[in-house]
Amino acid sequence: MSGTFTELQKQKLMHMFELLDIDGNGVLEYEDFRLVVDTLAQERGWEEGHRRYTALVASNKRLWGMVSRSIDIDGDGSITLMEWLAFHIKAILGEPDPRFSTALVAISSFFCEMLDSDGDGKVCLDDYIDFCAAYNVSEAMARRSFELFDRDGSGDISQAEVQQMVQEFYLSDDPSAPGNLFFGAL
């Protein structure tokens, strides 16, 4: 992964940080992660005890635990933009770290689970629109992005396509890589 940390990569990570900071208080906290899951569950009609809701909450807690252990340098329970960028710059520019690769796989798996409303292993357009809405990304942007992500033209996004999007979002410095739009336009 050694190389250069580009302005595009910085802009993508700053954009993602802003979207993940659901309550807009300038730091990422578990509450931000929980709010997105609650929004998606509500959009999908899942009550608190629903099997898919319970599984998503458990995955969300595991992801937050992994993210906060890796990025929350001062251990205060919140992640600042500086902590966020410092972690990613080190991960992208440093020697290949299996923890970062593992984190990308975990993030991809979580997004697959969060995106796939019916558990069939595929993400349909409505699933992606709901996901984008939870992060305040417009439906028009969601529709445009979905077309790019559905690389095989099947009408659904597969788990492999989600993994490719996540990899591109985090690692690509190619401005035309479709994964750059995973969290909407910069």
N, C-alpha and C. Protein backbone atom coordinates (compact mmCIF):
# COMPACT_ATOMS: atom_id res chain seq x y z
N MET A 1 0.81 -1.19 0.00
CA MET A 1 0.00 0.00 0.00
C MET A 1 0.86 1.26 0.00
N SER A 2 2.14 1.09 0.17
CA SER A 2 3.03 2.25 0.22
C SER A 2 2.86 3.09 -1.03
N GLY A 3 3.08 4.37 -0.90
CA GLY A 3 2.94 5.27 -2.04
C GLY A 3 2.66 6.67 -1.57
N THR A 4 1.67 7.26 -2.17
CA THR A 4 1.32 8.64 -1.88
C THR A 4 -0.12 8.70 -1.38
N PHE A 5 -0.35 9.56 -0.41
CA PHE A 5 -1.71 9.83 0.04
C PHE A 5 -2.19 11.04 -0.75
N THR A 6 -3.14 10.83 -1.64
CA THR A 6 -3.53 11.87 -2.58
C THR A 6 -4.63 12.77 -2.00
N GLU A 7 -4.80 13.89 -2.63
CA GLU A 7 -5.86 14.81 -2.24
C GLU A 7 -7.23 14.15 -2.41
N LEU A 8 -7.40 13.32 -3.45
CA LEU A 8 -8.66 12.61 -3.65
C LEU A 8 -8.94 11.69 -2.46
N GLN A 9 -7.94 10.94 -2.03
CA GLN A 9 -8.14 10.05 -0.89
C GLN A 9 -8.52 10.85 0.36
N LYS A 10 -7.86 11.97 0.58
CA LYS A 10 -8.17 12.82 1.73
C LYS A 10 -9.60 13.33 1.63
N GLN A 11 -10.01 13.79 0.46
CA GLN A 11 -11.37 14.31 0.29
C GLN A 11 -12.41 13.22 0.53
N LYS A 12 -12.16 12.00 0.04
CA LYS A 12 -13.10 10.90 0.26
C LYS A 12 -13.24 10.59 1.74
N LEU A 13 -12.12 10.54 2.44
CA LEU A 13 -12.16 10.21 3.87
C LEU A 13 -12.81 11.32 4.70
N MET A 14 -12.57 12.56 4.31
CA MET A 14 -13.22 13.67 5.01
C MET A 14 -14.74 13.65 4.75
N HIS A 15 -15.11 13.36 3.51
CA HIS A 15 -16.53 13.26 3.15
C HIS A 15 -17.19 12.13 3.94
N MET A 16 -16.53 10.99 4.00
CA MET A 16 -17.09 9.86 4.74
C MET A 16 -17.24 10.21 6.22
N PHE A 17 -16.24 10.85 6.79
CA PHE A 17 -16.30 11.26 8.20
C PHE A 17 -17.53 12.13 8.43
N GLU A 18 -17.74 13.11 7.55
CA GLU A 18 -18.90 14.00 7.69
C GLU A 18 -20.21 13.23 7.63
N LEU A 19 -20.30 12.26 6.73
CA LEU A 19 -21.52 11.47 6.62
C LEU A 19 -21.72 10.57 7.83
N LEU A 20 -20.64 9.98 8.33
CA LEU A 20 -20.74 9.10 9.49
C LEU A 20 -21.09 9.87 10.76
N ASP A 21 -20.74 11.13 10.82
CA ASP A 21 -21.05 11.98 11.97
C ASP A 21 -22.51 12.44 11.87
N ILE A 22 -23.40 11.50 12.08
CA ILE A 22 -24.84 11.71 11.88
C ILE A 22 -25.37 12.89 12.69
N ASP A 23 -24.92 13.01 13.93
CA ASP A 23 -25.45 14.09 14.78
C ASP A 23 -24.72 15.42 14.58
N GLY A 24 -23.69 15.43 13.74
CA GLY A 24 -23.00 16.66 13.38
C GLY A 24 -22.21 17.32 14.49
N ASN A 25 -21.79 16.56 15.50
CA ASN A 25 -21.07 17.17 16.61
C ASN A 25 -19.54 17.20 16.41
N GLY A 26 -19.07 16.80 15.22
CA GLY A 26 -17.65 16.90 14.90
C GLY A 26 -16.81 15.71 15.31
N VAL A 27 -17.42 14.70 15.91
CA VAL A 27 -16.70 13.47 16.28
C VAL A 27 -17.58 12.27 15.96
N LEU A 28 -16.93 11.13 15.74
CA LEU A 28 -17.68 9.89 15.53
C LEU A 28 -17.79 9.18 16.87
N GLU A 29 -19.00 8.75 17.17
CA GLU A 29 -19.28 8.02 18.41
C GLU A 29 -20.19 6.85 18.05
N TYR A 30 -20.31 5.91 18.97
CA TYR A 30 -21.18 4.78 18.69
C TYR A 30 -22.60 5.25 18.38
N GLU A 31 -23.03 6.31 19.01
CA GLU A 31 -24.38 6.85 18.77
C GLU A 31 -24.61 7.13 17.28
N ASP A 32 -23.59 7.64 16.59
CA ASP A 32 -23.72 7.90 15.15
C ASP A 32 -23.98 6.60 14.40
N PHE A 33 -23.23 5.57 14.75
CA PHE A 33 -23.39 4.27 14.09
C PHE A 33 -24.78 3.68 14.40
N ARG A 34 -25.20 3.81 15.66
CA ARG A 34 -26.50 3.28 16.07
C ARG A 34 -27.65 3.99 15.36
N LEU A 35 -27.54 5.29 15.19
CA LEU A 35 -28.61 6.05 14.52
C LEU A 35 -28.85 5.57 13.10
N VAL A 36 -27.78 5.24 12.38
CA VAL A 36 -27.94 4.75 11.01
C VAL A 36 -28.68 3.41 11.00
N VAL A 37 -28.29 2.51 11.89
CA VAL A 37 -28.96 1.21 11.96
C VAL A 37 -30.43 1.40 12.32
N ASP A 38 -30.70 2.27 13.28
CA ASP A 38 -32.09 2.52 13.67
C ASP A 38 -32.90 3.11 12.51
N THR A 39 -32.29 4.02 11.76
CA THR A 39 -32.97 4.62 10.61
C THR A 39 -33.30 3.56 9.57
N LEU A 40 -32.31 2.72 9.25
CA LEU A 40 -32.56 1.65 8.27
C LEU A 40 -33.63 0.68 8.77
N ALA A 41 -33.56 0.30 10.03
CA ALA A 41 -34.55 -0.63 10.59
C ALA A 41 -35.95 -0.02 10.50
N GLN A 42 -36.05 1.25 10.81
CA GLN A 42 -37.35 1.92 10.74
C GLN A 42 -37.86 1.96 9.30
N GLU A 43 -36.97 2.29 8.34
CA GLU A 43 -37.37 2.34 6.93
C GLU A 43 -37.85 0.98 6.44
N ARG A 44 -37.29 -0.08 7.00
CA ARG A 44 -37.62 -1.43 6.57
C ARG A 44 -38.71 -2.08 7.41
N GLY A 45 -39.22 -1.36 8.41
CA GLY A 45 -40.30 -1.88 9.24
C GLY A 45 -39.85 -2.94 10.23
N TRP A 46 -38.58 -2.95 10.60
CA TRP A 46 -38.07 -3.93 11.55
C TRP A 46 -38.23 -3.40 12.97
N GLU A 47 -38.95 -4.13 13.78
CA GLU A 47 -39.08 -3.79 15.20
C GLU A 47 -37.79 -4.17 15.91
N GLU A 48 -37.65 -3.72 17.15
CA GLU A 48 -36.44 -3.96 17.91
C GLU A 48 -36.10 -5.45 18.05
N GLY A 49 -37.07 -6.32 18.17
CA GLY A 49 -36.81 -7.75 18.33
C GLY A 49 -36.67 -8.52 17.02
N HIS A 50 -36.86 -7.86 15.89
CA HIS A 50 -36.79 -8.52 14.58
C HIS A 50 -35.41 -9.15 14.40
N ARG A 51 -35.39 -10.34 13.84
CA ARG A 51 -34.15 -11.10 13.63
C ARG A 51 -33.10 -10.31 12.87
N ARG A 52 -33.46 -9.65 11.81
CA ARG A 52 -32.50 -8.89 11.00
C ARG A 52 -32.00 -7.65 11.75
N TYR A 53 -32.90 -7.02 12.51
CA TYR A 53 -32.51 -5.86 13.30
C TYR A 53 -31.49 -6.26 14.37
N THR A 54 -31.76 -7.33 15.08
CA THR A 54 -30.87 -7.81 16.13
C THR A 54 -29.50 -8.16 15.57
N ALA A 55 -29.47 -8.83 14.43
CA ALA A 55 -28.20 -9.20 13.79
C ALA A 55 -27.43 -7.96 13.35
N LEU A 56 -28.14 -6.98 12.81
CA LEU A 56 -27.50 -5.76 12.34
C LEU A 56 -26.91 -4.96 13.52
N VAL A 57 -27.63 -4.89 14.61
CA VAL A 57 -27.13 -4.20 15.80
C VAL A 57 -25.87 -4.88 16.31
N ALA A 58 -25.87 -6.22 16.36
CA ALA A 58 -24.70 -6.96 16.83
C ALA A 58 -23.49 -6.70 15.91
N SER A 59 -23.71 -6.72 14.60
CA SER A 59 -22.62 -6.44 13.65
C SER A 59 -22.13 -5.01 13.81
N ASN A 60 -23.05 -4.10 14.00
CA ASN A 60 -22.72 -2.69 14.17
C ASN A 60 -21.85 -2.49 15.41
N LYS A 61 -22.20 -3.14 16.51
CA LYS A 61 -21.41 -3.03 17.74
C LYS A 61 -20.00 -3.60 17.54
N ARG A 62 -19.91 -4.72 16.84
CA ARG A 62 -18.58 -5.31 16.57
C ARG A 62 -17.75 -4.36 15.70
N LEU A 63 -18.38 -3.78 14.67
CA LEU A 63 -17.66 -2.86 13.79
C LEU A 63 -17.21 -1.63 14.58
N TRP A 64 -18.08 -1.06 15.39
CA TRP A 64 -17.69 0.11 16.18
C TRP A 64 -16.53 -0.25 17.12
N GLY A 65 -16.60 -1.42 17.74
CA GLY A 65 -15.52 -1.84 18.63
C GLY A 65 -14.20 -1.91 17.90
N MET A 66 -14.20 -2.50 16.71
CA MET A 66 -12.98 -2.60 15.92
C MET A 66 -12.49 -1.22 15.50
N VAL A 67 -13.40 -0.38 15.02
CA VAL A 67 -13.03 0.95 14.57
C VAL A 67 -12.49 1.78 15.73
N SER A 68 -13.19 1.77 16.84
CA SER A 68 -12.75 2.62 17.97
C SER A 68 -11.44 2.13 18.55
N ARG A 69 -11.23 0.82 18.65
CA ARG A 69 -9.94 0.30 19.16
C ARG A 69 -8.79 0.72 18.26
N SER A 70 -9.03 0.77 16.97
CA SER A 70 -7.96 1.09 16.02
C SER A 70 -7.73 2.59 15.85
N ILE A 71 -8.78 3.38 15.96
CA ILE A 71 -8.68 4.79 15.58
C ILE A 71 -8.73 5.75 16.76
N ASP A 72 -9.47 5.43 17.81
CA ASP A 72 -9.64 6.32 18.96
C ASP A 72 -8.36 6.32 19.80
N ILE A 73 -7.38 7.10 19.38
CA ILE A 73 -6.04 7.09 19.97
C ILE A 73 -6.07 7.43 21.46
N ASP A 74 -6.86 8.41 21.85
CA ASP A 74 -6.86 8.83 23.26
C ASP A 74 -7.86 8.05 24.11
N GLY A 75 -8.61 7.13 23.49
CA GLY A 75 -9.51 6.26 24.23
C GLY A 75 -10.67 6.97 24.92
N ASP A 76 -11.10 8.10 24.37
CA ASP A 76 -12.17 8.87 25.01
C ASP A 76 -13.57 8.48 24.52
N GLY A 77 -13.66 7.46 23.68
CA GLY A 77 -14.97 7.01 23.19
C GLY A 77 -15.47 7.74 21.97
N SER A 78 -14.65 8.65 21.45
CA SER A 78 -15.03 9.36 20.23
C SER A 78 -13.81 9.47 19.32
N ILE A 79 -14.08 9.63 18.04
CA ILE A 79 -13.03 9.70 17.03
C ILE A 79 -13.10 11.08 16.38
N THR A 80 -12.02 11.82 16.49
CA THR A 80 -11.95 13.14 15.85
C THR A 80 -11.55 12.97 14.39
N LEU A 81 -11.73 14.03 13.62
CA LEU A 81 -11.29 14.00 12.23
C LEU A 81 -9.79 13.76 12.14
N MET A 82 -9.02 14.35 13.05
CA MET A 82 -7.57 14.15 13.02
C MET A 82 -7.20 12.69 13.29
N GLU A 83 -7.86 12.06 14.25
CA GLU A 83 -7.61 10.64 14.52
C GLU A 83 -7.99 9.79 13.30
N TRP A 84 -9.12 10.12 12.70
CA TRP A 84 -9.64 9.42 11.53
C TRP A 84 -8.63 9.47 10.38
N LEU A 85 -8.18 10.69 10.07
CA LEU A 85 -7.24 10.86 8.96
C LEU A 85 -5.88 10.24 9.28
N ALA A 86 -5.39 10.42 10.50
CA ALA A 86 -4.09 9.86 10.87
C ALA A 86 -4.07 8.35 10.70
N PHE A 87 -5.13 7.69 11.15
CA PHE A 87 -5.20 6.23 11.01
C PHE A 87 -5.17 5.82 9.54
N HIS A 88 -6.00 6.46 8.73
CA HIS A 88 -6.10 6.08 7.33
C HIS A 88 -4.83 6.41 6.54
N ILE A 89 -4.22 7.53 6.84
CA ILE A 89 -2.97 7.88 6.15
C ILE A 89 -1.91 6.83 6.47
N LYS A 90 -1.80 6.47 7.73
CA LYS A 90 -0.82 5.45 8.13
C LYS A 90 -1.14 4.11 7.47
N ALA A 91 -2.42 3.75 7.45
CA ALA A 91 -2.82 2.47 6.86
C ALA A 91 -2.57 2.43 5.36
N ILE A 92 -2.80 3.54 4.69
CA ILE A 92 -2.64 3.58 3.24
C ILE A 92 -1.17 3.71 2.84
N LEU A 93 -0.41 4.50 3.58
CA LEU A 93 0.98 4.75 3.22
C LEU A 93 1.96 3.78 3.85
N GLY A 94 1.59 3.20 4.96
CA GLY A 94 2.52 2.35 5.70
C GLY A 94 2.72 0.99 5.06
N GLU A 95 3.53 0.22 5.74
CA GLU A 95 3.72 -1.16 5.32
C GLU A 95 2.38 -1.88 5.38
N PRO A 96 2.16 -2.83 4.50
CA PRO A 96 0.89 -3.56 4.52
C PRO A 96 0.61 -4.11 5.93
N ASP A 97 -0.52 -3.77 6.45
CA ASP A 97 -0.92 -4.17 7.80
C ASP A 97 -2.12 -5.10 7.68
N PRO A 98 -1.97 -6.34 8.13
CA PRO A 98 -3.10 -7.26 8.02
C PRO A 98 -4.34 -6.78 8.76
N ARG A 99 -4.18 -5.93 9.78
CA ARG A 99 -5.34 -5.42 10.50
C ARG A 99 -6.17 -4.51 9.59
N PHE A 100 -5.52 -3.73 8.72
CA PHE A 100 -6.25 -2.87 7.81
C PHE A 100 -6.99 -3.70 6.78
N SER A 101 -6.33 -4.71 6.26
CA SER A 101 -7.00 -5.61 5.30
C SER A 101 -8.18 -6.30 5.95
N THR A 102 -7.99 -6.76 7.19
CA THR A 102 -9.07 -7.40 7.94
C THR A 102 -10.20 -6.42 8.17
N ALA A 103 -9.84 -5.17 8.48
CA ALA A 103 -10.86 -4.13 8.70
C ALA A 103 -11.67 -3.89 7.43
N LEU A 104 -11.01 -3.84 6.28
CA LEU A 104 -11.74 -3.63 5.02
C LEU A 104 -12.71 -4.76 4.74
N VAL A 105 -12.30 -5.99 5.03
CA VAL A 105 -13.20 -7.13 4.85
C VAL A 105 -14.38 -7.02 5.81
N ALA A 106 -14.11 -6.64 7.07
CA ALA A 106 -15.18 -6.50 8.06
C ALA A 106 -16.14 -5.37 7.66
N ILE A 107 -15.59 -4.28 7.18
CA ILE A 107 -16.42 -3.16 6.74
C ILE A 107 -17.29 -3.58 5.56
N SER A 108 -16.68 -4.29 4.61
CA SER A 108 -17.45 -4.78 3.45
C SER A 108 -18.57 -5.71 3.90
N SER A 109 -18.26 -6.62 4.81
CA SER A 109 -19.28 -7.56 5.30
C SER A 109 -20.41 -6.82 6.00
N PHE A 110 -20.04 -5.82 6.82
CA PHE A 110 -21.05 -5.06 7.53
C PHE A 110 -21.95 -4.32 6.54
N PHE A 111 -21.33 -3.67 5.54
CA PHE A 111 -22.14 -2.95 4.56
C PHE A 111 -23.02 -3.90 3.76
N CYS A 112 -22.52 -5.09 3.44
CA CYS A 112 -23.37 -6.07 2.75
C CYS A 112 -24.59 -6.40 3.61
N GLU A 113 -24.34 -6.64 4.89
CA GLU A 113 -25.44 -6.98 5.79
C GLU A 113 -26.41 -5.80 5.94
N MET A 114 -25.86 -4.60 6.05
CA MET A 114 -26.70 -3.42 6.23
C MET A 114 -27.49 -3.11 4.96
N LEU A 115 -26.87 -3.30 3.81
CA LEU A 115 -27.53 -2.99 2.54
C LEU A 115 -28.61 -4.00 2.16
N ASP A 116 -28.38 -5.26 2.45
CA ASP A 116 -29.24 -6.36 2.00
C ASP A 116 -30.44 -6.51 2.93
N SER A 117 -31.55 -5.91 2.58
CA SER A 117 -32.71 -5.87 3.48
C SER A 117 -33.40 -7.22 3.67
N ASP A 118 -33.33 -8.10 2.68
CA ASP A 118 -34.04 -9.38 2.81
C ASP A 118 -33.13 -10.57 3.04
N GLY A 119 -31.84 -10.34 3.13
CA GLY A 119 -30.90 -11.41 3.45
C GLY A 119 -30.63 -12.40 2.34
N ASP A 120 -30.91 -12.01 1.10
CA ASP A 120 -30.71 -12.94 -0.02
C ASP A 120 -29.30 -12.87 -0.61
N GLY A 121 -28.44 -12.05 -0.01
CA GLY A 121 -27.06 -11.96 -0.50
C GLY A 121 -26.88 -10.96 -1.63
N LYS A 122 -27.94 -10.25 -1.98
CA LYS A 122 -27.88 -9.26 -3.06
C LYS A 122 -28.45 -7.94 -2.57
N VAL A 123 -27.96 -6.87 -3.15
CA VAL A 123 -28.44 -5.54 -2.82
C VAL A 123 -29.21 -5.01 -4.02
N CYS A 124 -30.48 -4.71 -3.80
CA CYS A 124 -31.29 -4.15 -4.89
C CYS A 124 -31.24 -2.62 -4.81
N LEU A 125 -31.75 -1.98 -5.82
CA LEU A 125 -31.74 -0.52 -5.88
C LEU A 125 -32.43 0.09 -4.66
N ASP A 126 -33.58 -0.42 -4.26
CA ASP A 126 -34.29 0.13 -3.11
C ASP A 126 -33.45 0.02 -1.83
N ASP A 127 -32.73 -1.10 -1.68
CA ASP A 127 -31.84 -1.26 -0.52
C ASP A 127 -30.79 -0.15 -0.51
N TYR A 128 -30.20 0.11 -1.65
CA TYR A 128 -29.15 1.11 -1.71
C TYR A 128 -29.70 2.52 -1.49
N ILE A 129 -30.89 2.77 -2.00
CA ILE A 129 -31.52 4.08 -1.78
C ILE A 129 -31.78 4.28 -0.29
N ASP A 130 -32.28 3.24 0.41
CA ASP A 130 -32.51 3.33 1.86
C ASP A 130 -31.20 3.60 2.60
N PHE A 131 -30.15 2.88 2.22
CA PHE A 131 -28.83 3.06 2.83
C PHE A 131 -28.36 4.51 2.66
N CYS A 132 -28.46 5.01 1.45
CA CYS A 132 -28.02 6.39 1.18
C CYS A 132 -28.85 7.40 1.97
N ALA A 133 -30.15 7.16 2.05
CA ALA A 133 -31.02 8.07 2.79
C ALA A 133 -30.61 8.14 4.26
N ALA A 134 -30.17 7.02 4.83
CA ALA A 134 -29.74 7.01 6.23
C ALA A 134 -28.52 7.90 6.45
N TYR A 135 -27.75 8.12 5.39
CA TYR A 135 -26.58 9.00 5.45
C TYR A 135 -26.83 10.35 4.79
N ASN A 136 -28.09 10.65 4.52
CA ASN A 136 -28.48 11.93 3.91
C ASN A 136 -27.90 12.13 2.51
N VAL A 137 -27.77 11.05 1.76
CA VAL A 137 -27.35 11.12 0.36
C VAL A 137 -28.62 11.05 -0.48
N SER A 138 -28.72 11.90 -1.47
CA SER A 138 -29.96 12.02 -2.25
C SER A 138 -30.29 10.74 -3.02
N GLU A 139 -31.57 10.58 -3.29
CA GLU A 139 -32.02 9.43 -4.08
C GLU A 139 -31.44 9.48 -5.49
N ALA A 140 -31.35 10.68 -6.06
CA ALA A 140 -30.80 10.81 -7.42
C ALA A 140 -29.34 10.32 -7.45
N MET A 141 -28.56 10.71 -6.43
CA MET A 141 -27.17 10.25 -6.37
C MET A 141 -27.12 8.75 -6.15
N ALA A 142 -28.00 8.23 -5.31
CA ALA A 142 -28.04 6.78 -5.06
C ALA A 142 -28.33 6.02 -6.35
N ARG A 143 -29.28 6.49 -7.12
CA ARG A 143 -29.63 5.82 -8.39
C ARG A 143 -28.46 5.85 -9.37
N ARG A 144 -27.82 7.00 -9.47
CA ARG A 144 -26.67 7.14 -10.38
C ARG A 144 -25.53 6.21 -9.96
N SER A 145 -25.25 6.19 -8.67
CA SER A 145 -24.16 5.36 -8.16
C SER A 145 -24.46 3.88 -8.34
N PHE A 146 -25.71 3.50 -8.07
CA PHE A 146 -26.09 2.09 -8.18
C PHE A 146 -25.80 1.55 -9.57
N GLU A 147 -26.09 2.33 -10.59
CA GLU A 147 -25.83 1.90 -11.97
C GLU A 147 -24.34 1.61 -12.18
N LEU A 148 -23.48 2.42 -11.57
CA LEU A 148 -22.04 2.20 -11.70
C LEU A 148 -21.58 0.97 -10.91
N PHE A 149 -22.19 0.75 -9.75
CA PHE A 149 -21.77 -0.35 -8.89
C PHE A 149 -22.21 -1.70 -9.43
N ASP A 150 -23.31 -1.73 -10.14
CA ASP A 150 -23.82 -2.98 -10.72
C ASP A 150 -23.02 -3.27 -12.00
N ARG A 151 -21.79 -3.65 -11.80
CA ARG A 151 -20.84 -3.79 -12.91
C ARG A 151 -21.21 -4.89 -13.89
N ASP A 152 -21.91 -5.92 -13.41
CA ASP A 152 -22.28 -7.01 -14.32
C ASP A 152 -23.66 -6.81 -14.94
N GLY A 153 -24.34 -5.71 -14.59
CA GLY A 153 -25.64 -5.40 -15.20
C GLY A 153 -26.77 -6.30 -14.76
N SER A 154 -26.61 -6.98 -13.61
CA SER A 154 -27.62 -7.94 -13.15
C SER A 154 -28.86 -7.28 -12.53
N GLY A 155 -28.77 -5.99 -12.21
CA GLY A 155 -29.87 -5.33 -11.54
C GLY A 155 -29.73 -5.37 -10.03
N ASP A 156 -28.74 -6.09 -9.53
CA ASP A 156 -28.43 -6.17 -8.11
C ASP A 156 -26.93 -5.96 -7.93
N ILE A 157 -26.55 -5.62 -6.71
CA ILE A 157 -25.13 -5.53 -6.38
C ILE A 157 -24.79 -6.75 -5.54
N SER A 158 -23.82 -7.51 -5.98
CA SER A 158 -23.41 -8.71 -5.26
C SER A 158 -22.46 -8.35 -4.12
N GLN A 159 -22.20 -9.32 -3.25
CA GLN A 159 -21.24 -9.10 -2.17
C GLN A 159 -19.86 -8.78 -2.74
N ALA A 160 -19.49 -9.43 -3.82
CA ALA A 160 -18.19 -9.15 -4.45
C ALA A 160 -18.13 -7.71 -4.96
N GLU A 161 -19.24 -7.22 -5.51
CA GLU A 161 -19.28 -5.84 -5.99
C GLU A 161 -19.21 -4.85 -4.83
N VAL A 162 -19.84 -5.18 -3.70
CA VAL A 162 -19.74 -4.32 -2.51
C VAL A 162 -18.29 -4.29 -2.03
N GLN A 163 -17.65 -5.44 -1.98
CA GLN A 163 -16.25 -5.49 -1.55
C GLN A 163 -15.36 -4.66 -2.48
N GLN A 164 -15.62 -4.74 -3.76
CA GLN A 164 -14.84 -3.96 -4.72
C GLN A 164 -15.07 -2.46 -4.50
N MET A 165 -16.31 -2.07 -4.23
CA MET A 165 -16.62 -0.65 -3.97
C MET A 165 -15.87 -0.15 -2.74
N VAL A 166 -15.91 -0.93 -1.66
CA VAL A 166 -15.25 -0.53 -0.42
C VAL A 166 -13.74 -0.40 -0.65
N GLN A 167 -13.15 -1.38 -1.34
CA GLN A 167 -11.71 -1.32 -1.65
C GLN A 167 -11.39 -0.06 -2.44
N GLU A 168 -12.18 0.21 -3.47
CA GLU A 168 -11.94 1.40 -4.28
C GLU A 168 -12.12 2.68 -3.47
N PHE A 169 -13.15 2.71 -2.65
CA PHE A 169 -13.38 3.91 -1.88
C PHE A 169 -12.17 4.22 -1.00
N TYR A 170 -11.69 3.24 -0.30
CA TYR A 170 -10.58 3.47 0.63
C TYR A 170 -9.23 3.61 -0.06
N LEU A 171 -8.98 2.85 -1.10
CA LEU A 171 -7.61 2.74 -1.61
C LEU A 171 -7.35 3.40 -2.95
N SER A 172 -8.37 3.60 -3.76
CA SER A 172 -8.13 4.11 -5.11
C SER A 172 -7.88 5.61 -5.11
N ASP A 173 -6.91 5.98 -5.94
CA ASP A 173 -6.71 7.41 -6.18
C ASP A 173 -7.09 7.76 -7.62
N ASP A 174 -7.83 6.85 -8.26
CA ASP A 174 -8.35 7.06 -9.61
C ASP A 174 -9.69 7.80 -9.49
N PRO A 175 -9.75 9.04 -9.97
CA PRO A 175 -10.99 9.82 -9.83
C PRO A 175 -12.20 9.18 -10.51
N SER A 176 -11.99 8.29 -11.47
CA SER A 176 -13.12 7.69 -12.17
C SER A 176 -13.53 6.33 -11.59
N ALA A 177 -12.90 5.88 -10.52
CA ALA A 177 -13.27 4.59 -9.92
C ALA A 177 -14.68 4.69 -9.33
N PRO A 178 -15.58 3.80 -9.72
CA PRO A 178 -16.96 3.87 -9.23
C PRO A 178 -17.08 3.84 -7.70
N GLY A 179 -16.20 3.13 -7.02
CA GLY A 179 -16.26 3.03 -5.56
C GLY A 179 -16.13 4.37 -4.86
N ASN A 180 -15.59 5.37 -5.56
CA ASN A 180 -15.48 6.70 -4.96
C ASN A 180 -16.85 7.27 -4.60
N LEU A 181 -17.89 6.78 -5.24
CA LEU A 181 -19.24 7.30 -5.02
C LEU A 181 -20.03 6.48 -3.99
N PHE A 182 -19.37 5.56 -3.30
CA PHE A 182 -20.07 4.69 -2.36
C PHE A 182 -20.87 5.50 -1.34
N PHE A 183 -20.32 6.60 -0.89
CA PHE A 183 -21.01 7.49 0.05
C PHE A 183 -21.46 8.77 -0.62
N GLY A 184 -21.82 8.68 -1.87
CA GLY A 184 -22.30 9.86 -2.61
C GLY A 184 -21.15 10.68 -3.16
N ALA A 185 -21.48 11.70 -3.90
CA ALA A 185 -20.47 12.55 -4.53
C ALA A 185 -19.74 13.38 -3.48
N LEU A 186 -18.48 13.64 -3.77
CA LEU A 186 -17.66 14.45 -2.86
C LEU A 186 -18.05 15.90 -2.96
